[in-house]
Every structure is written in structure tokens, then in C-alpha cells.
């Protein structure tokens, strides 16, 4: 029986957002007997609802509420209202993600210590490290069913991977394989094996790819301790005279306002919406927004150093067949400043369909170069760059002074400008990506600029010292003991790895901490 909690029940843990952070946290707490209400701004879709078409799926799932952008990133020019391709639905962007599940490397937990001073970068060591996170990573890998961990075999390599592998090995790269993916290579955890349909970004119709939408959320509901309210958009978090948060004002799909009382509030709305909500919850006691005594809420926005390289070959590759992200080269993820930058990057296969390919290859660049590239689509192989970008105080999420969303709430403005280290890394990755495809026999290579970001990190970062960040090592805000950050916005740095595995591991760990504190009556 699905739980139903009263608006005046101030004993519940209230979670805002149901993605890889909030959805996992909700289930983990519910399994421990904690009463949970989860608010989700979007609707509810299950595998039978997903659409195997890029544009139609985008229309179904994407967060397209009003946003603005600024800075010199290409997104501000070409996609000013869409700084990120994230999902507005129960399960969040765990519906859309490709499934790559990589642990941080040990050196990446301490970037300030290991990279030294980098001009213009706001580097900081995490208050946790790889040894402390190892058992939580194991739990996350088991939950997600990550291939090449435990006794789970890797996925098969499609043509897109085989081309990458041939070129990479010809250049001497060693760490080349079909990836550690949260996509079942065999039946696992009541989910079927991957059918290689190729629409991973549009929601997995087979349920082979892990998503909170059809794993953690229904399992949490089955305990009787979790109520998920979809089409429930959080407007502001309220607090009492002592400064403790007391609940959340939200609006339902009909525009009606409700106030849900809570003992604990956990914010898991992604690195854009989470700081936006904290800033929009400013009060006389907290004039700069909640948990913002450091002034760091919204700052240090990271999106990873990204970009793509496509290679055109004499014979068909048909990169769209098989998993969207079908393989990886990890050799460049090492720390090696001799390359001209700190941090490292991954090269991961990526197969886009014709609609997105046309949109992202070179918007506005119509002409012979563009059309001849599209003519070669069947013969194309593609890869995506994922690298560690530098946190900068000036890269930040703020509230728009002119634009409001459909509920009258000030929209988020996302400001981003590349750091020189990001540019040096991207240029190195472009060169290596092109070299890989040439070594595999490409007749033409096409480096393409970054897309609207899907990895959104920072903006409410962890810190040892309250003056340097927003929350502590458990995601508990420094300023307000019963307010937590439960998503990728708590990242102190980005590392080179796709972030979802780490978000899930931190959520499992945070659930243990919150449940323990509730039991001891210390929250």
C-alpha cells in the first residue's frame, strides 16, 4: 500500500527531487523505516511510456522551464534557454543518463593538494577520500548492477566501439574496454539484459539500464514509508525563529499551493534547481538565501570539459546501433601536468541520432561542409570527451531579475566561462580523438563543440570549513542542521568521471547518517 502522509506531519523527511540522489535517498531511508515525502516537479513515466525518438522523447522528459544563461560558453549563444539537458520526471535524469559508472580516482578527492594553486580556479579538497568512499561505492555498484564489477560481465562492443578500440590501441592506449555501465549485460536484480536498442538517452524501454524511476522509487513505495508527489514544484523552504527548516511550500499541477511540514529537508533538484531554491528561500534571518553564510550557494558551477569528435569512414559504421555509450578510453584520465593542464579526461563512445546530430554538429553552419558531413552519417563513428573542469567562483547560478517561470518564481541564470585549463584539456582531447579515428582509417574527422550540459556539478559544495562551502561531508548544510544537499551540487570538484555512481554512493551514505541521527534524536 502506497503511503499517504498528512501535510501537518512534521515527523517526515521531505526530499525535493527524485533522481539519482533524491530517489536513492528516499528508498534507502524508507527501507530503514523512516517516513519520507518526495516532491517531484515533473510527471511519472515508466518504460512502457518512453519514446524511441530523440525529439519526441525530449518533449516528453526534458526540463524546459524558463532559464537564462550568460558567459562566453557556446550554450549562451546557441541554446540560451537550455543550459542543461536534464529530466523533469520521477526518476530525474537517471532516466536520460547513458549509464557510465566510474569511481573517482584517489587523487581526484584532493585537487587542491594534488594540483596546487591554479590561477582563477577555486580548488578545494573534498572532506572525504577514496578509502572512506570505497564501501559506499561497492553498495552503489551492486545497486546499479555495474558491469565489470563484482562478477558482472562487460557489455558486447558495437561497431562504434570497435572503431574506437582499433584506433586507440594503434596509438598505444591500454585502458580500452566497453565500460563499467549500469546497463545489465545479463539479467540482474529483476531487470532484463540489454537488448542493444540504442535509445539509452530516451529512457530504457527494457529496464536494462538502472533508473530510480523503476527501481528505487517503487521499492521505497512498497515499504509503506514513501509517498512520491509528482507535478509538485517546490517554491521555497520555510524555517522557524531558531533558523531550523520546518517544511516546504510547493505548487501542484493546478497551481494550488500546499505546505508540507517536515523534520528534515533534503534538496536534490540538480545543480541548477537546488541553489535556485535555496536562493529563492531568502528571509529576514537568511537574507542571502538558506545555507549561504559562506556566499558559496550557486558558485563553483561545473559541467565537465566536454566536446565530441566524429570520424567518417569509407564503410558504414552505423554508430546508433547498440548502447549509446558503448566503450571508453581511460588512459588520459591520469594526473599528468606535462600535457599542459591539471586533471584528466575520459574518451567515451557516443552515438547520436540524425535529429540531435543535425542540431549539435554545427548549428547555423549550413552549407556544403555541414551537408557533406550529414551525408556521411551512416559511415560515422562518434566519441564524447568527459574531463575535469576547474571550479570557479564566477561560474555560478543566480536568480534572474527579469525572467520568472510559470509559477512566478525567479528563474535560474546559469553563468559559465571556460577556464584556460579547460580549454587546454579540450584541445588536447580533440587532437587525441582525431588521432584515434585517423589511426582507424577515418577519411575525415569532425571535432564539435560541447552540447548543453548533462553533467551539472558544484553550486552547493562540500567543505571541511564552513567558510569554504555549503555542506559538510554528509551533505548536511553548515548553517542549518536539518537541511541537507543530496545531489551533484554537493560536489567539491568534478573529477574526470561521469558523476552518477558517486551521487548514488553519497546518497546511500547520507541515508545511513540521517537515519542514525533521527534514531539518536540529534536532528
Protein backbone atom coordinates (compact mmCIF):
# COMPACT_ATOMS: atom_id res chain seq x y z
CA UNK A 1 0.00 0.00 0.00
CA UNK A 2 1.42 3.40 -1.04
CA UNK A 3 1.83 5.75 1.90
CA UNK A 4 -0.11 8.98 2.25
CA UNK A 5 1.19 11.48 4.77
CA UNK A 6 -0.63 14.47 6.19
CA UNK A 7 0.61 17.97 5.33
CA UNK A 8 0.89 18.66 9.06
CA UNK A 9 3.00 15.57 9.80
CA UNK A 10 6.20 17.24 10.93
CA UNK A 11 7.96 13.92 11.57
CA UNK A 12 8.68 13.18 7.88
CA UNK A 13 11.89 13.60 5.92
CA UNK A 14 11.00 15.76 2.92
CA UNK A 15 13.08 15.24 -0.23
CA UNK A 16 12.91 17.63 -3.17
CA UNK A 17 13.75 15.76 -6.38
CA UNK A 18 13.67 12.04 -7.19
CA UNK A 19 16.73 11.44 -9.38
CA UNK A 20 19.95 9.58 -8.66
CA UNK A 21 20.40 11.47 -5.40
CA UNK A 22 16.85 12.08 -4.13
CA UNK A 23 15.31 8.87 -5.47
CA UNK A 24 18.01 6.69 -3.95
CA UNK A 25 17.95 8.61 -0.65
CA UNK A 26 14.14 8.23 -0.48
CA UNK A 27 14.32 4.47 -0.94
CA UNK A 28 17.25 3.95 1.42
CA UNK A 29 15.50 5.89 4.19
CA UNK A 30 12.17 4.13 3.57
CA UNK A 31 13.91 0.75 3.82
CA UNK A 32 15.20 1.82 7.24
CA UNK A 33 11.68 2.64 8.45
CA UNK A 34 11.92 6.40 8.04
CA UNK A 35 8.79 8.20 6.81
CA UNK A 36 9.55 10.08 3.58
CA UNK A 37 7.66 12.51 1.35
CA UNK A 38 9.35 13.16 -2.01
CA UNK A 39 8.32 16.10 -4.18
CA UNK A 40 8.89 15.83 -7.92
CA UNK A 41 8.27 18.78 -10.24
CA UNK A 42 7.63 16.54 -13.25
CA UNK A 43 5.29 13.70 -14.15
CA UNK A 44 5.67 9.96 -13.84
CA UNK A 45 6.77 7.79 -16.76
CA UNK A 46 7.71 4.12 -16.84
CA UNK A 47 9.45 2.06 -19.54
CA UNK A 48 6.24 1.45 -21.46
CA UNK A 49 5.82 5.25 -21.71
CA UNK A 50 9.28 6.05 -23.08
CA UNK A 51 9.52 7.16 -26.72
CA UNK A 52 12.21 5.82 -29.05
CA UNK A 53 12.56 9.10 -30.90
CA UNK A 54 15.00 11.85 -29.98
CA UNK A 55 12.82 14.94 -30.42
CA UNK A 56 9.58 13.43 -29.13
CA UNK A 57 11.39 11.99 -26.11
CA UNK A 58 12.95 15.38 -25.41
CA UNK A 59 9.47 16.88 -25.45
CA UNK A 60 8.26 14.23 -23.01
CA UNK A 61 11.10 14.30 -20.49
CA UNK A 62 13.20 17.46 -20.64
CA UNK A 63 13.18 20.28 -18.10
CA UNK A 64 12.22 23.21 -20.31
CA UNK A 65 11.03 25.70 -17.68
CA UNK A 66 12.30 29.24 -18.16
CA UNK A 67 16.03 29.70 -17.62
CA UNK A 68 18.60 32.18 -18.82
CA UNK A 69 22.33 31.97 -19.50
CA UNK A 70 25.34 34.25 -19.60
CA UNK A 71 29.09 33.95 -20.03
CA UNK A 72 31.15 33.09 -23.09
CA UNK A 73 30.19 29.40 -23.34
CA UNK A 74 28.65 28.36 -26.62
CA UNK A 75 25.40 27.40 -24.84
CA UNK A 76 24.67 31.08 -24.08
CA UNK A 77 24.76 31.80 -27.80
CA UNK A 78 23.13 28.72 -29.32
CA UNK A 79 20.90 27.37 -26.51
CA UNK A 80 20.27 30.37 -24.19
CA UNK A 81 17.14 28.87 -22.63
CA UNK A 82 18.57 25.35 -22.29
CA UNK A 83 21.80 25.31 -20.28
CA UNK A 84 21.26 21.63 -19.46
CA UNK A 85 19.52 18.55 -20.88
CA UNK A 86 18.09 17.24 -17.64
CA UNK A 87 14.85 15.41 -16.96
CA UNK A 88 11.71 16.72 -15.28
CA UNK A 89 10.06 13.49 -14.16
CA UNK A 90 10.01 10.94 -11.35
CA UNK A 91 13.46 9.35 -11.52
CA UNK A 92 15.04 12.55 -12.75
CA UNK A 93 17.97 12.40 -15.13
CA UNK A 94 18.57 8.74 -14.19
CA UNK A 95 16.03 8.16 -16.99
CA UNK A 96 18.22 10.00 -19.51
CA UNK A 97 21.77 9.13 -18.46
CA UNK A 98 23.92 6.82 -20.58
CA UNK A 99 24.87 4.53 -17.67
CA UNK A 100 28.63 5.09 -17.35
CA UNK A 101 29.55 4.27 -13.74
CA UNK A 102 33.13 5.13 -12.81
CA UNK A 103 34.70 5.65 -9.41
CA UNK A 104 36.73 8.78 -8.73
CA UNK A 105 40.47 8.17 -8.69
CA UNK A 106 42.18 8.70 -5.35
CA UNK A 107 44.00 11.87 -6.41
CA UNK A 108 40.74 13.50 -7.53
CA UNK A 109 39.35 13.74 -3.99
CA UNK A 110 42.13 16.18 -3.08
CA UNK A 111 42.54 18.51 -6.08
CA UNK A 112 43.86 21.48 -4.08
CA UNK A 113 46.62 19.35 -2.57
CA UNK A 114 47.45 17.43 -5.76
CA UNK A 115 47.06 20.16 -8.39
CA UNK A 116 48.48 23.04 -6.36
CA UNK A 117 47.42 26.62 -6.93
CA UNK A 118 45.73 27.22 -10.29
CA UNK A 119 45.12 30.87 -11.13
CA UNK A 120 41.43 31.68 -11.37
CA UNK A 121 40.34 28.30 -10.03
CA UNK A 122 38.59 27.90 -6.67
CA UNK A 123 40.07 24.48 -5.94
CA UNK A 124 39.32 22.77 -2.64
CA UNK A 125 39.95 19.30 -1.23
CA UNK A 126 36.89 17.18 -0.52
CA UNK A 127 36.36 16.43 3.19
CA UNK A 128 36.24 12.71 2.25
CA UNK A 129 38.57 10.45 0.28
CA UNK A 130 38.65 7.26 -1.77
CA UNK A 131 39.25 4.95 1.19
CA UNK A 132 36.23 6.32 3.05
CA UNK A 133 34.06 6.06 -0.06
CA UNK A 134 35.15 2.55 -1.14
CA UNK A 135 32.46 0.60 0.79
CA UNK A 136 29.76 3.01 -0.40
CA UNK A 137 30.93 2.65 -3.97
CA UNK A 138 30.57 -1.14 -3.58
CA UNK A 139 26.98 -0.71 -2.40
CA UNK A 140 26.25 1.66 -5.28
CA UNK A 141 27.75 -0.70 -7.87
CA UNK A 142 25.64 -3.58 -6.54
CA UNK A 143 22.50 -1.40 -6.59
CA UNK A 144 23.13 -0.24 -10.15
CA UNK A 145 24.39 -3.62 -11.41
CA UNK A 146 27.56 -2.08 -12.82
CA UNK A 147 29.28 -4.24 -15.41
CA UNK A 148 32.93 -5.25 -14.91
CA UNK A 149 32.45 -5.04 -11.14
CA UNK A 150 31.55 -7.93 -8.84
CA UNK A 151 31.03 -10.93 -11.11
CA UNK A 152 29.07 -8.99 -13.75
CA UNK A 153 30.50 -9.29 -17.27
CA UNK A 154 31.02 -6.37 -19.63
CA UNK A 155 28.63 -5.47 -22.41
CA UNK A 156 29.43 -6.51 -26.00
CA UNK A 157 31.16 -3.97 -28.23
CA UNK A 158 29.21 -2.45 -31.11
CA UNK A 159 30.77 -1.07 -34.30
CA UNK A 160 31.22 2.36 -32.72
CA UNK A 161 33.34 0.76 -30.00
CA UNK A 162 35.28 -1.46 -32.39
CA UNK A 163 36.39 1.58 -34.38
CA UNK A 164 37.42 3.39 -31.17
CA UNK A 165 39.25 0.31 -29.92
CA UNK A 166 41.17 -0.20 -33.16
CA UNK A 167 42.37 3.39 -33.29
CA UNK A 168 43.12 3.68 -29.58
CA UNK A 169 45.18 0.51 -29.48
CA UNK A 170 47.06 1.59 -32.60
CA UNK A 171 48.10 4.71 -30.64
CA UNK A 172 49.25 2.60 -27.69
CA UNK A 173 46.35 3.19 -25.33
CA UNK A 174 45.88 0.31 -22.85
CA UNK A 175 42.73 1.08 -20.82
CA UNK A 176 40.21 0.47 -23.59
CA UNK A 177 37.03 -1.56 -22.97
CA UNK A 178 33.24 -1.48 -23.17
CA UNK A 179 32.97 0.38 -19.91
CA UNK A 180 31.64 0.00 -16.41
CA UNK A 181 27.98 0.53 -17.17
CA UNK A 182 24.78 0.42 -15.12
CA UNK A 183 23.22 -1.48 -18.02
CA UNK A 184 22.67 -5.18 -17.49
CA UNK A 185 24.84 -7.44 -19.61
CA UNK A 186 22.88 -10.37 -18.14
CA UNK A 187 19.58 -10.50 -16.23
CA UNK A 188 20.17 -8.91 -12.83
CA UNK A 189 18.10 -7.59 -9.93
CA UNK A 190 14.76 -8.28 -11.60
CA UNK A 191 15.87 -6.30 -14.66
CA UNK A 192 16.44 -7.87 -18.07
CA UNK A 193 19.67 -7.85 -20.06
CA UNK A 194 20.31 -5.07 -22.58
CA UNK A 195 18.63 -5.55 -25.97
CA UNK A 196 21.01 -3.08 -27.70
CA UNK A 197 18.14 -0.94 -28.97
CA UNK A 198 20.22 2.24 -28.98
CA UNK A 199 17.83 4.72 -27.31
CA UNK A 200 19.53 4.88 -23.91
CA UNK A 201 19.09 8.68 -23.67
CA UNK A 202 15.34 8.37 -24.26
CA UNK A 203 14.67 6.06 -21.31
CA UNK A 204 15.35 2.32 -21.46
CA UNK A 205 12.18 0.56 -22.59
CA UNK A 206 13.63 -2.76 -21.39
CA UNK A 207 14.58 -1.59 -17.92
CA UNK A 208 18.07 -2.97 -18.51
CA UNK A 209 19.61 0.39 -17.61
CA UNK A 210 19.29 1.35 -13.96
CA UNK A 211 16.98 4.25 -13.24
CA UNK A 212 15.50 5.36 -9.94
CA UNK A 213 12.17 5.64 -11.79
CA UNK A 214 11.54 1.88 -11.86
CA UNK A 215 13.90 0.54 -9.17
CA UNK A 216 14.41 2.66 -6.06
CA UNK A 217 11.18 4.67 -6.22
CA UNK A 218 8.71 1.74 -6.44
CA UNK A 219 10.77 -0.28 -3.95
CA UNK A 220 10.64 2.59 -1.49
CA UNK A 221 6.90 2.94 -2.01
CA UNK A 222 6.42 -0.78 -1.40
CA UNK A 223 7.68 -0.35 2.19
CA UNK A 224 4.71 1.90 3.01
CA UNK A 225 7.15 4.56 4.20
CA UNK A 226 7.48 6.64 0.99
CA UNK A 227 4.98 8.95 -0.68
CA UNK A 228 6.03 10.48 -4.01
CA UNK A 229 4.04 13.51 -5.14
CA UNK A 230 4.59 14.22 -8.81
CA UNK A 231 3.82 17.54 -10.50
CA UNK A 232 4.80 19.18 -7.20
CA UNK A 233 7.13 22.11 -7.74
CA UNK A 234 8.93 23.42 -4.64
CA UNK A 235 8.71 27.20 -4.31
CA UNK A 236 10.51 27.87 -1.04
CA UNK A 237 11.78 26.23 2.14
CA UNK A 238 10.49 27.78 5.35
CA UNK A 239 12.18 27.95 8.77
CA UNK A 240 11.33 28.80 12.36
CA UNK A 241 12.61 31.59 14.62
CA UNK A 242 15.63 29.48 15.60
CA UNK A 243 16.54 29.01 11.95
CA UNK A 244 15.68 25.33 11.60
CA UNK A 245 13.80 24.43 8.45
CA UNK A 246 10.17 23.47 9.05
CA UNK A 247 8.90 22.38 5.64
CA UNK A 248 8.39 23.30 2.02
CA UNK A 249 5.84 25.42 0.18
CA UNK A 250 5.06 23.81 -3.16
CA UNK A 251 2.61 24.16 -6.01
CA UNK A 252 0.70 21.30 -7.63
CA UNK A 253 -0.10 20.88 -11.34
CA UNK A 254 -3.23 23.00 -10.97
CA UNK A 255 -1.27 25.88 -9.48
CA UNK A 256 -2.58 25.31 -5.95
CA UNK A 257 -0.13 25.92 -3.12
CA UNK A 258 0.47 23.46 -0.27
CA UNK A 259 2.83 23.49 2.70
CA UNK A 260 4.31 20.18 3.82
CA UNK A 261 5.80 20.21 7.30
CA UNK A 262 8.98 18.21 7.86
CA UNK A 263 11.57 17.25 10.44
CA UNK A 264 14.36 17.21 7.84
CA UNK A 265 14.51 18.71 4.33
CA UNK A 266 16.85 17.27 1.66
CA UNK A 267 17.40 19.24 -1.55
CA UNK A 268 18.09 17.08 -4.61
CA UNK A 269 16.97 19.18 -7.57
CA UNK A 270 20.22 19.13 -9.58
CA UNK A 271 22.99 21.75 -9.58
CA UNK A 272 20.76 24.40 -11.15
CA UNK A 273 17.47 23.97 -9.32
CA UNK A 274 18.92 23.24 -5.87
CA UNK A 275 20.79 26.55 -5.46
CA UNK A 276 17.87 28.34 -7.13
CA UNK A 277 15.55 27.03 -4.40
CA UNK A 278 17.95 27.97 -1.59
CA UNK A 279 18.35 31.48 -3.01
CA UNK A 280 14.59 31.85 -3.53
CA UNK A 281 14.08 30.88 0.14
CA UNK A 282 15.78 34.04 1.43
CA UNK A 283 14.25 35.54 4.56
CA UNK A 284 14.92 38.22 7.13
CA UNK A 285 17.07 35.76 9.06
CA UNK A 286 18.79 34.45 5.93
CA UNK A 287 18.82 37.48 3.57
CA UNK A 288 21.26 35.84 1.12
CA UNK A 289 19.32 32.57 0.92
CA UNK A 290 19.40 29.43 3.02
CA UNK A 291 22.75 27.83 3.99
CA UNK A 292 24.62 30.73 2.39
CA UNK A 293 26.66 32.32 5.17
CA UNK A 294 29.75 31.47 3.08
CA UNK A 295 28.34 33.15 -0.03
CA UNK A 296 29.07 29.91 -1.89
CA UNK A 297 25.50 28.87 -2.75
CA UNK A 298 25.27 28.85 -6.53
CA UNK A 299 29.01 29.30 -7.05
CA UNK A 300 31.58 26.87 -8.50
CA UNK A 301 29.21 25.56 -11.17
CA UNK A 302 30.91 22.78 -13.13
CA UNK A 303 29.69 20.87 -16.17
CA UNK A 304 32.79 18.88 -17.15
CA UNK A 305 35.08 19.65 -20.03
CA UNK A 306 33.13 18.19 -22.92
CA UNK A 307 33.03 18.17 -26.69
CA UNK A 308 32.82 15.47 -29.34
CA UNK A 309 34.87 14.06 -32.17
CA UNK A 310 33.29 12.26 -35.11
CA UNK A 311 35.15 10.26 -37.71
CA UNK A 312 33.87 9.48 -41.21
CA UNK A 313 34.95 6.15 -42.71
CA UNK A 314 34.81 4.55 -46.13
CA UNK A 315 32.43 1.83 -44.96
CA UNK A 316 29.28 2.01 -42.80
CA UNK A 317 29.71 2.11 -39.01
CA UNK A 318 26.08 2.73 -38.01
CA UNK A 319 27.09 4.13 -34.64
CA UNK A 320 23.45 4.31 -33.49
CA UNK A 321 23.24 0.53 -33.18
CA UNK A 322 23.77 -0.79 -29.66
CA UNK A 323 24.17 1.13 -26.42
CA UNK A 324 24.54 4.88 -26.84
CA UNK A 325 27.73 4.86 -24.76
CA UNK A 326 29.44 1.64 -25.76
CA UNK A 327 33.07 1.96 -24.72
CA UNK A 328 35.80 4.05 -23.15
CA UNK A 329 39.47 5.02 -23.31
CA UNK A 330 40.67 5.85 -19.79
CA UNK A 331 44.42 6.38 -20.26
CA UNK A 332 44.11 10.18 -20.38
CA UNK A 333 42.24 10.35 -17.05
CA UNK A 334 45.58 10.31 -15.22
CA UNK A 335 47.14 13.28 -13.44
CA UNK A 336 49.93 14.43 -15.76
CA UNK A 337 50.53 18.21 -15.81
CA UNK A 338 53.21 17.75 -18.50
CA UNK A 339 50.33 17.73 -21.01
CA UNK A 340 49.71 21.40 -20.21
CA UNK A 341 46.78 21.05 -17.81
CA UNK A 342 45.87 19.57 -14.42
CA UNK A 343 43.24 16.86 -14.11
CA UNK A 344 42.40 14.35 -16.81
CA UNK A 345 39.68 13.23 -19.19
CA UNK A 346 37.88 10.16 -20.49
CA UNK A 347 37.02 9.43 -24.13
CA UNK A 348 33.67 7.63 -24.39
CA UNK A 349 31.80 6.46 -27.47
CA UNK A 350 28.60 8.34 -28.19
CA UNK A 351 26.14 7.66 -30.97
CA UNK A 352 23.62 10.40 -31.70
CA UNK A 353 20.62 10.03 -33.99
CA UNK A 354 20.14 12.25 -37.03
CA UNK A 355 17.96 14.90 -35.28
CA UNK A 356 20.43 15.60 -32.47
CA UNK A 357 23.39 15.20 -34.81
CA UNK A 358 21.99 17.91 -37.07
CA UNK A 359 21.32 20.18 -34.09
CA UNK A 360 24.72 19.84 -32.45
CA UNK A 361 27.18 19.28 -35.30
CA UNK A 362 27.41 22.98 -36.12
CA UNK A 363 24.21 24.98 -35.54
CA UNK A 364 23.91 27.84 -38.01
CA UNK A 365 26.70 26.39 -40.11
CA UNK A 366 24.52 25.35 -43.01
CA UNK A 367 26.40 24.80 -46.23
CA UNK A 368 28.46 22.25 -48.12
CA UNK A 369 30.63 21.34 -45.14
CA UNK A 370 27.59 20.63 -42.97
CA UNK A 371 25.58 18.77 -45.60
CA UNK A 372 28.52 16.61 -46.67
CA UNK A 373 29.09 15.69 -43.03
CA UNK A 374 25.46 14.68 -42.63
CA UNK A 375 25.67 12.73 -45.90
CA UNK A 376 28.36 10.64 -44.20
CA UNK A 377 26.19 9.89 -41.17
CA UNK A 378 25.93 6.14 -41.81
CA UNK A 379 29.73 5.93 -42.04
CA UNK A 380 30.35 7.94 -38.86
CA UNK A 381 31.79 6.91 -35.52
CA UNK A 382 31.49 9.22 -32.54
CA UNK A 383 33.11 9.85 -29.18
CA UNK A 384 32.48 12.25 -26.30
CA UNK A 385 35.06 13.98 -24.12
CA UNK A 386 34.47 13.99 -20.34
CA UNK A 387 37.11 15.88 -18.39
CA UNK A 388 37.59 17.66 -15.09
CA UNK A 389 36.78 21.34 -15.37
CA UNK A 390 38.00 23.87 -12.85
CA UNK A 391 35.59 25.19 -10.22
CA UNK A 392 35.40 28.99 -10.48
CA UNK A 393 33.54 31.30 -8.12
CA UNK A 394 32.36 33.33 -11.09
CA UNK A 395 30.75 30.31 -12.78
CA UNK A 396 27.51 30.35 -10.90
CA UNK A 397 23.76 30.01 -10.69
CA UNK A 398 21.94 33.19 -9.70
CA UNK A 399 18.33 34.37 -9.80
CA UNK A 400 17.18 36.22 -12.89
CA UNK A 401 16.00 39.76 -12.19
CA UNK A 402 13.78 39.77 -15.29
CA UNK A 403 12.57 36.22 -16.06
CA UNK A 404 10.13 34.17 -13.98
CA UNK A 405 8.85 30.63 -14.51
CA UNK A 406 5.23 29.57 -14.98
CA UNK A 407 4.67 29.77 -11.20
CA UNK A 408 6.04 33.28 -10.88
CA UNK A 409 9.32 32.18 -9.29
CA UNK A 410 12.53 33.94 -10.44
CA UNK A 411 14.27 31.72 -12.99
CA UNK A 412 17.81 30.48 -12.67
CA UNK A 413 20.55 32.19 -14.65
CA UNK A 414 23.50 29.92 -15.40
CA UNK A 415 26.75 31.79 -16.00
CA UNK A 416 29.74 29.89 -17.33
CA UNK A 417 33.07 30.77 -18.90
CA UNK A 418 35.79 28.21 -19.62
CA UNK A 419 38.93 28.30 -17.51
CA UNK A 420 42.21 28.26 -19.52
CA UNK A 421 42.86 24.77 -18.07
CA UNK A 422 39.51 23.62 -19.54
CA UNK A 423 40.45 24.95 -22.98
CA UNK A 424 43.89 23.32 -22.90
CA UNK A 425 42.33 19.99 -21.89
CA UNK A 426 39.65 20.16 -24.58
CA UNK A 427 42.17 20.96 -27.30
CA UNK A 428 44.37 18.03 -26.21
CA UNK A 429 41.32 15.74 -26.22
CA UNK A 430 40.26 16.92 -29.68
CA UNK A 431 43.73 16.13 -31.02
CA UNK A 432 43.80 12.68 -29.42
CA UNK A 433 40.27 11.88 -30.55
CA UNK A 434 41.07 12.84 -34.13
CA UNK A 435 44.29 10.82 -33.99
CA UNK A 436 42.35 7.75 -32.79
CA UNK A 437 39.97 7.93 -35.75
CA UNK A 438 42.75 8.60 -38.26
CA UNK A 439 44.62 5.59 -36.91
CA UNK A 440 41.46 3.54 -37.52
CA UNK A 441 41.24 4.77 -41.12
CA UNK A 442 38.96 7.81 -41.00
CA UNK A 443 38.77 9.86 -44.18
CA UNK A 444 37.58 12.92 -42.27
CA UNK A 445 37.40 13.98 -38.62
CA UNK A 446 34.93 16.44 -37.13
CA UNK A 447 35.61 17.95 -33.70
CA UNK A 448 32.38 19.52 -32.40
CA UNK A 449 31.74 21.96 -29.56
CA UNK A 450 30.10 20.99 -26.25
CA UNK A 451 26.37 20.32 -26.12
CA UNK A 452 24.07 21.74 -23.43
CA UNK A 453 25.45 20.12 -20.32
CA UNK A 454 24.17 16.88 -18.87
CA UNK A 455 26.73 16.73 -16.04
CA UNK A 456 25.89 19.60 -13.71
CA UNK A 457 28.02 19.76 -10.58
CA UNK A 458 29.01 22.04 -7.71
CA UNK A 459 26.97 25.10 -6.62
CA UNK A 460 26.41 23.76 -3.04
CA UNK A 461 29.78 22.20 -2.43
CA UNK A 462 31.10 20.14 0.45
CA UNK A 463 33.83 21.69 2.58
CA UNK A 464 35.67 20.95 5.80
CA UNK A 465 35.48 24.61 6.82
CA UNK A 466 32.05 26.31 6.72
CA UNK A 467 33.50 29.43 5.13
CA UNK A 468 34.58 27.48 2.01
CA UNK A 469 31.34 25.74 1.08
CA UNK A 470 27.73 24.95 1.81
CA UNK A 471 27.62 21.48 3.39
CA UNK A 472 29.78 19.04 5.34
CA UNK A 473 30.98 15.56 4.41
CA UNK A 474 27.48 14.12 4.88
CA UNK A 475 25.76 16.78 2.77
CA UNK A 476 24.43 18.43 5.94
CA UNK A 477 24.46 22.20 5.48
CA UNK A 478 26.89 24.03 7.74
CA UNK A 479 24.30 26.64 8.71
CA UNK A 480 21.15 24.57 9.26
CA UNK A 481 21.45 21.14 10.89
CA UNK A 482 18.20 19.70 9.47
CA UNK A 483 18.79 20.87 5.87
CA UNK A 484 20.77 18.59 3.54
CA UNK A 485 22.15 18.70 0.00
CA UNK A 486 21.55 15.35 -1.68
CA UNK A 487 22.60 15.65 -5.33
CA UNK A 488 25.56 16.52 -7.56
CA UNK A 489 25.52 20.11 -6.35
CA UNK A 490 27.44 18.95 -3.25
CA UNK A 491 30.48 18.03 -5.41
CA UNK A 492 33.61 19.90 -4.32
CA UNK A 493 35.26 19.15 -7.66
CA UNK A 494 34.18 17.39 -10.83
CA UNK A 495 36.88 14.73 -11.37
CA UNK A 496 37.11 13.14 -14.84
CA UNK A 497 34.41 10.55 -14.27
CA UNK A 498 30.70 10.56 -15.08
CA UNK A 499 29.13 11.59 -11.74
CA UNK A 500 26.09 9.36 -11.20
CA UNK A 501 27.84 6.49 -9.41
CA UNK A 502 29.31 8.96 -6.92
CA UNK A 503 25.94 10.70 -6.45
CA UNK A 504 24.34 7.31 -5.67
CA UNK A 505 27.15 6.29 -3.31
CA UNK A 506 26.85 9.59 -1.42
CA UNK A 507 23.05 9.17 -1.20
CA UNK A 508 23.37 5.69 0.33
CA UNK A 509 25.91 7.06 2.80
CA UNK A 510 23.76 10.09 3.60
CA UNK A 511 20.73 7.87 4.30
CA UNK A 512 22.77 5.97 6.88
CA UNK A 513 23.79 9.24 8.53
CA UNK A 514 20.27 10.74 8.59
CA UNK A 515 18.62 7.55 9.84
CA UNK A 516 21.22 7.27 12.61
CA UNK A 517 20.78 10.91 13.63
CA UNK A 518 17.00 10.54 13.70
CA UNK A 519 17.30 7.46 15.86
CA UNK A 520 19.57 9.31 18.28
CA UNK A 521 17.22 12.31 18.21
CA UNK A 522 20.06 14.59 17.12
CA UNK A 523 18.18 16.02 14.14
